[in-house]
N, C-alpha and C. Protein backbone atom coordinates (compact mmCIF):
# COMPACT_ATOMS: atom_id res chain seq x y z
N UNK A 1 0.80 -1.36 0.06
CA UNK A 1 0.21 0.18 0.04
C UNK A 1 0.96 1.31 -0.13
N UNK A 2 1.86 1.30 0.85
CA UNK A 2 2.76 2.46 1.11
C UNK A 2 3.72 2.45 -0.28
N UNK A 3 3.98 1.61 -1.17
CA UNK A 3 4.65 1.49 -2.41
C UNK A 3 3.84 2.01 -3.36
N UNK A 4 2.61 1.80 -3.45
CA UNK A 4 1.55 2.28 -4.42
C UNK A 4 1.39 3.71 -4.43
N UNK A 5 1.16 4.52 -2.91
CA UNK A 5 1.21 5.62 -3.10
C UNK A 5 2.38 6.36 -3.20
N UNK A 6 3.48 6.04 -2.87
CA UNK A 6 4.71 6.69 -3.20
C UNK A 6 4.79 6.39 -4.85
N UNK A 7 4.56 5.59 -5.56
CA UNK A 7 4.80 5.57 -7.04
C UNK A 7 3.70 6.51 -7.75
N UNK A 8 2.57 6.76 -7.15
CA UNK A 8 1.49 7.76 -7.87
C UNK A 8 2.25 9.14 -7.40
N UNK A 9 2.95 9.55 -6.05
CA UNK A 9 3.56 10.71 -5.89
C UNK A 9 4.53 10.93 -7.00
N UNK A 10 5.51 9.95 -7.51
CA UNK A 10 6.38 10.04 -8.21
C UNK A 10 6.06 10.17 -9.81
N UNK A 11 5.02 9.67 -10.05
CA UNK A 11 4.24 9.73 -11.48
C UNK A 11 3.90 11.33 -11.53
N UNK A 12 3.09 11.47 -10.55
CA UNK A 12 2.51 13.09 -10.61
C UNK A 12 3.67 13.89 -10.76
N UNK A 13 4.63 13.86 -9.81
CA UNK A 13 5.91 14.75 -9.73
C UNK A 13 6.64 14.77 -11.31
N UNK A 14 6.81 13.80 -11.79
CA UNK A 14 7.23 13.70 -13.15
C UNK A 14 6.46 14.53 -14.37
N UNK A 15 5.17 14.02 -13.92
CA UNK A 15 4.31 14.73 -15.06
C UNK A 15 4.48 16.22 -14.80
N UNK A 16 4.51 16.90 -13.48
CA UNK A 16 4.50 17.91 -13.41
C UNK A 16 5.70 18.63 -13.75
N UNK A 17 6.96 18.02 -14.00
CA UNK A 17 8.29 18.28 -14.29
C UNK A 17 8.29 18.50 -15.71
N UNK A 18 7.56 17.60 -16.41
CA UNK A 18 7.71 17.30 -17.94
C UNK A 18 6.90 18.72 -18.38
N UNK A 19 5.66 19.00 -17.93
CA UNK A 19 4.91 20.12 -18.38
C UNK A 19 5.71 21.39 -18.14
N UNK A 20 6.26 21.29 -16.73
CA UNK A 20 6.96 22.92 -16.92
C UNK A 20 8.11 23.00 -17.73
N UNK A 21 8.70 21.85 -18.19
CA UNK A 21 9.82 21.92 -19.18
C UNK A 21 9.58 22.38 -20.35
N UNK A 22 8.53 21.68 -20.68
CA UNK A 22 7.55 21.92 -22.12
C UNK A 22 7.08 23.50 -22.22
N UNK A 23 6.87 23.94 -21.08
CA UNK A 23 6.19 25.40 -21.19
C UNK A 23 6.99 26.22 -21.15
N UNK A 24 8.60 25.95 -20.75
CA UNK A 24 9.84 26.74 -20.57
C UNK A 24 9.97 27.71 -21.90
N UNK A 25 10.31 28.83 -21.94
CA UNK A 25 10.52 29.66 -23.18
C UNK A 25 11.81 29.04 -23.55
N UNK A 26 11.88 28.90 -25.18
CA UNK A 26 13.08 28.61 -25.74
C UNK A 26 14.17 30.01 -25.88
N UNK A 27 15.18 30.17 -25.29
CA UNK A 27 15.70 31.33 -25.27
C UNK A 27 16.32 31.77 -26.58
N UNK A 28 16.90 32.98 -27.32
CA UNK A 28 17.45 32.96 -28.33
C UNK A 28 18.96 32.64 -28.65
N UNK A 29 19.04 32.10 -29.79
CA UNK A 29 20.56 31.59 -30.10
C UNK A 29 21.35 32.55 -30.89
N UNK A 30 22.65 32.57 -30.48
CA UNK A 30 23.29 33.53 -31.33
C UNK A 30 24.85 32.77 -31.86
N UNK A 31 24.84 32.95 -33.25
CA UNK A 31 26.28 32.07 -33.58
C UNK A 31 27.02 33.33 -34.47
N UNK A 32 28.41 32.83 -34.37
CA UNK A 32 29.12 33.80 -35.06
C UNK A 32 29.14 33.43 -36.60
N UNK A 33 29.23 34.31 -37.58
CA UNK A 33 29.28 33.96 -38.96
C UNK A 33 29.85 35.04 -39.75
N UNK A 34 31.06 34.90 -39.65
CA UNK A 34 32.12 35.83 -40.19
C UNK A 34 32.37 37.14 -39.38
N UNK A 35 32.10 38.18 -39.62
CA UNK A 35 31.91 39.50 -38.89
C UNK A 35 30.54 39.76 -38.56
N UNK A 36 29.59 38.72 -38.80
CA UNK A 36 28.20 39.22 -38.43
C UNK A 36 28.15 38.06 -37.13
N UNK A 37 26.94 38.58 -36.48
CA UNK A 37 26.51 37.43 -35.70
C UNK A 37 24.91 37.07 -35.89
N UNK A 38 24.72 36.14 -36.56
CA UNK A 38 23.29 35.03 -36.60
C UNK A 38 22.53 35.17 -35.42
N UNK A 39 21.30 35.87 -35.53
CA UNK A 39 20.26 35.53 -34.26
C UNK A 39 19.09 34.55 -34.90
N UNK A 40 18.88 34.07 -33.96
CA UNK A 40 17.46 33.27 -34.19
C UNK A 40 16.83 33.10 -32.74
N UNK A 41 15.32 33.59 -32.95
CA UNK A 41 14.53 33.74 -31.98
C UNK A 41 13.59 32.72 -31.98
N UNK A 42 13.16 32.16 -31.22
CA UNK A 42 12.26 30.97 -30.86
C UNK A 42 10.62 31.23 -30.44
N UNK A 43 9.48 30.42 -30.98
CA UNK A 43 8.32 30.26 -30.01
C UNK A 43 8.65 29.76 -28.87
N UNK A 44 7.67 29.63 -27.99
CA UNK A 44 7.72 28.66 -26.79
C UNK A 44 7.96 27.35 -27.05
N UNK A 45 7.32 26.78 -28.14
CA UNK A 45 7.53 25.51 -28.48
C UNK A 45 8.71 25.15 -29.22
N UNK A 46 9.93 26.09 -29.28
CA UNK A 46 10.95 25.69 -29.96
C UNK A 46 11.07 25.94 -31.35
N UNK A 47 9.79 26.32 -32.43
CA UNK A 47 9.82 26.63 -33.64
C UNK A 47 10.33 27.98 -33.77
N UNK A 48 11.15 28.20 -34.84
CA UNK A 48 11.89 29.30 -35.15
C UNK A 48 10.64 30.54 -35.28
N UNK A 49 10.91 31.67 -34.82
CA UNK A 49 10.05 32.75 -34.91
C UNK A 49 10.74 33.85 -35.90
N UNK A 50 12.01 33.88 -35.95
CA UNK A 50 12.74 35.08 -36.31
C UNK A 50 14.23 35.07 -36.77
N UNK A 51 15.02 35.19 -37.56
CA UNK A 51 16.10 35.19 -37.94
C UNK A 51 16.52 36.39 -38.76
N UNK A 52 18.10 36.70 -38.32
CA UNK A 52 18.47 37.72 -39.02
C UNK A 52 19.97 37.86 -38.42
N UNK A 53 20.53 39.03 -38.76
CA UNK A 53 21.84 39.30 -38.48
C UNK A 53 22.14 40.39 -37.60
N UNK A 54 23.33 40.83 -36.85
CA UNK A 54 23.64 41.80 -36.35
C UNK A 54 25.05 42.09 -36.44
N UNK A 55 25.77 43.19 -37.00
CA UNK A 55 26.99 43.68 -37.22
C UNK A 55 27.11 44.82 -36.23
N UNK A 56 27.95 45.06 -35.18
CA UNK A 56 28.35 45.84 -34.54
C UNK A 56 27.12 46.33 -33.73
N UNK A 57 26.33 45.00 -33.21
CA UNK A 57 25.22 45.24 -32.48
C UNK A 57 24.00 46.07 -32.89
N UNK A 58 24.12 46.30 -34.26
CA UNK A 58 23.00 46.83 -35.20
C UNK A 58 22.22 45.82 -36.10
N UNK A 59 21.23 45.72 -36.41
CA UNK A 59 20.41 44.96 -37.39
C UNK A 59 20.97 45.15 -38.74
N UNK A 60 21.33 43.90 -39.46
CA UNK A 60 22.18 44.43 -40.84
C UNK A 60 21.52 42.92 -41.77
N UNK A 61 21.33 43.30 -42.91
CA UNK A 61 21.03 42.49 -43.81
C UNK A 61 19.46 41.95 -43.70
N UNK A 62 19.23 40.71 -44.16
CA UNK A 62 17.84 40.40 -44.24
C UNK A 62 17.50 39.61 -42.88
N UNK A 63 16.12 39.91 -42.70
CA UNK A 63 15.56 39.07 -41.32
C UNK A 63 14.15 38.68 -41.62
N UNK A 64 14.06 37.58 -41.19
CA UNK A 64 12.80 36.67 -41.75
C UNK A 64 11.98 36.29 -40.76
N UNK A 65 10.63 36.52 -40.73
CA UNK A 65 9.79 36.47 -39.70
C UNK A 65 8.93 35.14 -40.11
N UNK A 66 8.63 34.27 -39.12
CA UNK A 66 7.67 32.91 -39.67
C UNK A 66 6.30 33.04 -38.59
N UNK A 67 5.62 32.49 -39.00
CA UNK A 67 4.32 32.16 -38.10
C UNK A 67 4.58 30.90 -37.26
N UNK A 68 3.90 30.51 -36.45
CA UNK A 68 3.95 29.39 -35.78
C UNK A 68 3.82 28.18 -36.78
N UNK A 69 3.23 28.13 -37.45
CA UNK A 69 2.93 27.15 -38.32
C UNK A 69 4.30 26.98 -39.52
N UNK A 70 5.34 27.95 -39.33
CA UNK A 70 6.53 27.82 -40.09
C UNK A 70 6.42 28.36 -41.59
N UNK A 71 5.50 29.23 -41.73
CA UNK A 71 5.45 30.26 -42.75
C UNK A 71 5.86 31.43 -42.69
N UNK A 72 6.43 32.08 -43.58
CA UNK A 72 7.03 33.28 -43.81
C UNK A 72 5.95 34.43 -43.59
N UNK A 73 6.04 35.48 -42.88
CA UNK A 73 5.27 36.27 -42.37
C UNK A 73 6.06 37.69 -43.01
N UNK A 74 7.29 37.76 -42.91
CA UNK A 74 7.75 39.12 -43.02
C UNK A 74 9.38 38.60 -43.64
N UNK A 75 9.70 39.47 -44.66
CA UNK A 75 10.85 39.75 -44.93
C UNK A 75 11.57 41.07 -44.75
N UNK A 76 12.53 41.63 -43.99
CA UNK A 76 13.15 42.79 -43.96
C UNK A 76 14.62 43.00 -44.47
N UNK A 77 14.99 44.27 -44.73
CA UNK A 77 16.11 44.68 -44.71
C UNK A 77 16.73 45.59 -43.79
N UNK A 78 17.99 45.41 -43.46
CA UNK A 78 18.27 46.44 -42.54
C UNK A 78 20.01 46.94 -43.09
N UNK A 79 20.46 48.11 -42.95
CA UNK A 79 21.74 48.51 -42.94
C UNK A 79 22.40 49.21 -41.67
N UNK A 80 23.01 48.54 -41.08
CA UNK A 80 23.59 49.75 -39.97
C UNK A 80 22.18 49.82 -38.81
N UNK A 81 21.35 49.19 -38.81
CA UNK A 81 20.19 49.76 -38.08
C UNK A 81 19.35 50.29 -38.44
N UNK A 82 19.34 50.63 -39.77
CA UNK A 82 18.23 51.35 -40.48
C UNK A 82 17.72 50.61 -41.54
N UNK A 83 16.46 50.76 -41.69
CA UNK A 83 15.41 50.11 -42.51
C UNK A 83 15.91 50.50 -44.17
N UNK A 84 15.92 49.48 -44.76
CA UNK A 84 16.13 49.79 -46.21
C UNK A 84 15.44 48.86 -46.93
N UNK A 85 15.62 49.27 -48.48
CA UNK A 85 14.88 48.53 -49.48
C UNK A 85 13.64 48.08 -49.47
N UNK A 86 13.36 46.94 -50.08
CA UNK A 86 11.89 46.42 -50.21
C UNK A 86 11.66 45.22 -49.01
N UNK A 87 10.65 45.47 -48.35
CA UNK A 87 10.10 44.69 -47.15
C UNK A 87 8.83 44.05 -47.61
N UNK A 88 8.89 42.78 -47.49
CA UNK A 88 7.37 42.12 -47.99
C UNK A 88 6.74 41.56 -46.52
N UNK A 89 5.48 41.40 -46.41
CA UNK A 89 4.85 41.19 -45.44
C UNK A 89 3.42 40.48 -45.75
N UNK A 90 3.66 39.23 -45.74
CA UNK A 90 2.39 38.45 -45.77
C UNK A 90 1.25 38.31 -44.91
N UNK A 91 -0.10 38.73 -45.34
CA UNK A 91 -1.01 38.96 -44.64
C UNK A 91 -2.40 37.90 -45.25
N UNK A 92 -3.27 37.68 -44.45
CA UNK A 92 -4.33 36.91 -44.93
C UNK A 92 -5.06 37.23 -46.15
N UNK A 93 -4.98 38.41 -46.61
CA UNK A 93 -5.68 38.90 -47.67
C UNK A 93 -4.65 39.00 -48.87
N UNK A 94 -3.40 38.78 -48.57
CA UNK A 94 -2.44 39.14 -49.68
C UNK A 94 -1.03 39.60 -49.16
N UNK A 95 -0.33 40.34 -49.83
CA UNK A 95 0.92 40.63 -50.01
C UNK A 95 1.13 42.25 -49.68
N UNK A 96 1.98 42.65 -48.89
CA UNK A 96 2.00 44.10 -48.52
C UNK A 96 3.89 44.27 -48.94
N UNK A 97 3.89 44.92 -49.91
CA UNK A 97 5.43 45.50 -50.14
C UNK A 97 5.83 47.02 -49.91
N UNK A 98 6.58 47.09 -49.13
CA UNK A 98 6.87 48.37 -48.32
C UNK A 98 8.19 48.92 -48.71
N UNK A 99 8.53 49.81 -49.39
CA UNK A 99 9.79 50.39 -49.99
C UNK A 99 10.12 51.63 -49.03
N UNK A 100 11.63 51.10 -48.36
CA UNK A 100 12.01 52.13 -47.68
C UNK A 100 13.49 52.85 -47.90
N UNK A 101 13.47 54.16 -47.66
CA UNK A 101 14.53 55.02 -48.29
C UNK A 101 14.78 55.78 -47.13
N UNK A 102 16.37 56.03 -46.71
CA UNK A 102 16.63 56.94 -45.69
C UNK A 102 15.64 56.37 -44.48
N UNK A 103 15.49 55.06 -44.18
CA UNK A 103 14.95 54.77 -42.81
C UNK A 103 13.62 55.05 -42.61
N UNK A 104 12.85 55.62 -43.98
CA UNK A 104 11.55 55.98 -43.80
C UNK A 104 10.55 55.19 -44.91
N UNK A 105 9.42 55.26 -44.78
CA UNK A 105 8.72 54.53 -45.95
C UNK A 105 8.48 55.58 -47.55
N UNK A 106 8.87 54.96 -48.16
CA UNK A 106 8.87 55.72 -49.41
C UNK A 106 7.45 55.42 -50.23
N UNK A 107 7.29 53.91 -50.30
CA UNK A 107 6.12 53.72 -51.09
C UNK A 107 5.43 52.36 -50.30
N UNK A 108 4.25 52.18 -50.52
CA UNK A 108 3.65 50.92 -50.02
C UNK A 108 2.54 50.36 -51.08
N UNK A 109 2.65 49.01 -51.47
CA UNK A 109 1.98 48.32 -52.47
C UNK A 109 1.36 47.24 -51.77
N UNK A 110 0.04 47.23 -52.26
CA UNK A 110 -0.74 45.91 -51.54
C UNK A 110 -1.05 45.13 -52.79
N UNK A 111 -0.66 43.64 -52.74
CA UNK A 111 -1.03 42.84 -53.73
C UNK A 111 -1.85 41.74 -53.25
N UNK A 112 -3.22 41.74 -53.64
CA UNK A 112 -4.37 40.90 -53.10
C UNK A 112 -3.98 39.40 -53.98
N UNK A 113 -4.63 38.57 -53.44
CA UNK A 113 -4.51 37.25 -53.94
C UNK A 113 -4.93 37.05 -55.45
N UNK A 114 -5.87 37.97 -55.66
CA UNK A 114 -6.40 37.82 -57.16
C UNK A 114 -6.22 39.02 -58.07
N UNK A 115 -4.90 39.52 -57.70
CA UNK A 115 -4.34 40.61 -58.55
C UNK A 115 -3.70 40.10 -59.83
N UNK A 116 -4.12 40.56 -60.97
CA UNK A 116 -3.53 40.17 -62.14
C UNK A 116 -2.28 40.64 -62.51
N UNK A 117 -1.35 39.78 -63.21
CA UNK A 117 -0.07 40.72 -63.33
C UNK A 117 0.30 40.34 -65.16
N UNK A 118 0.18 41.40 -65.67
CA UNK A 118 0.42 41.41 -67.18
C UNK A 118 1.79 40.74 -67.37
N UNK A 119 2.13 40.05 -68.33
CA UNK A 119 3.40 39.43 -68.45
C UNK A 119 3.66 39.45 -70.15
N UNK A 120 4.54 40.06 -70.54
CA UNK A 120 4.80 40.46 -71.67
C UNK A 120 5.60 39.28 -72.76
């Protein structure tokens, strides 16, 4: 009888520990890549949330953001911590293209799923 009660306590304790480990947040991962640092951020379940690079502690190069399902939700570009070039953001109703100049929005284009593109 005593062994059965102890076994139940051990099983309950093991379950509690397993749940707490699974719910623990996954911290970011930083890797040296030449003169850059590659940063990877994660969702609580361990799936990749965002990846990109730092140079001299500033955002640089291409950054990609992912949904919890693993689909790309954004592609962004930085140079020395400033927003540059074309950014793409996938939304439920289509794609948003944002063009940055001098760290400011220069133009925005919305592409709907039913947008027709003329090809010559």
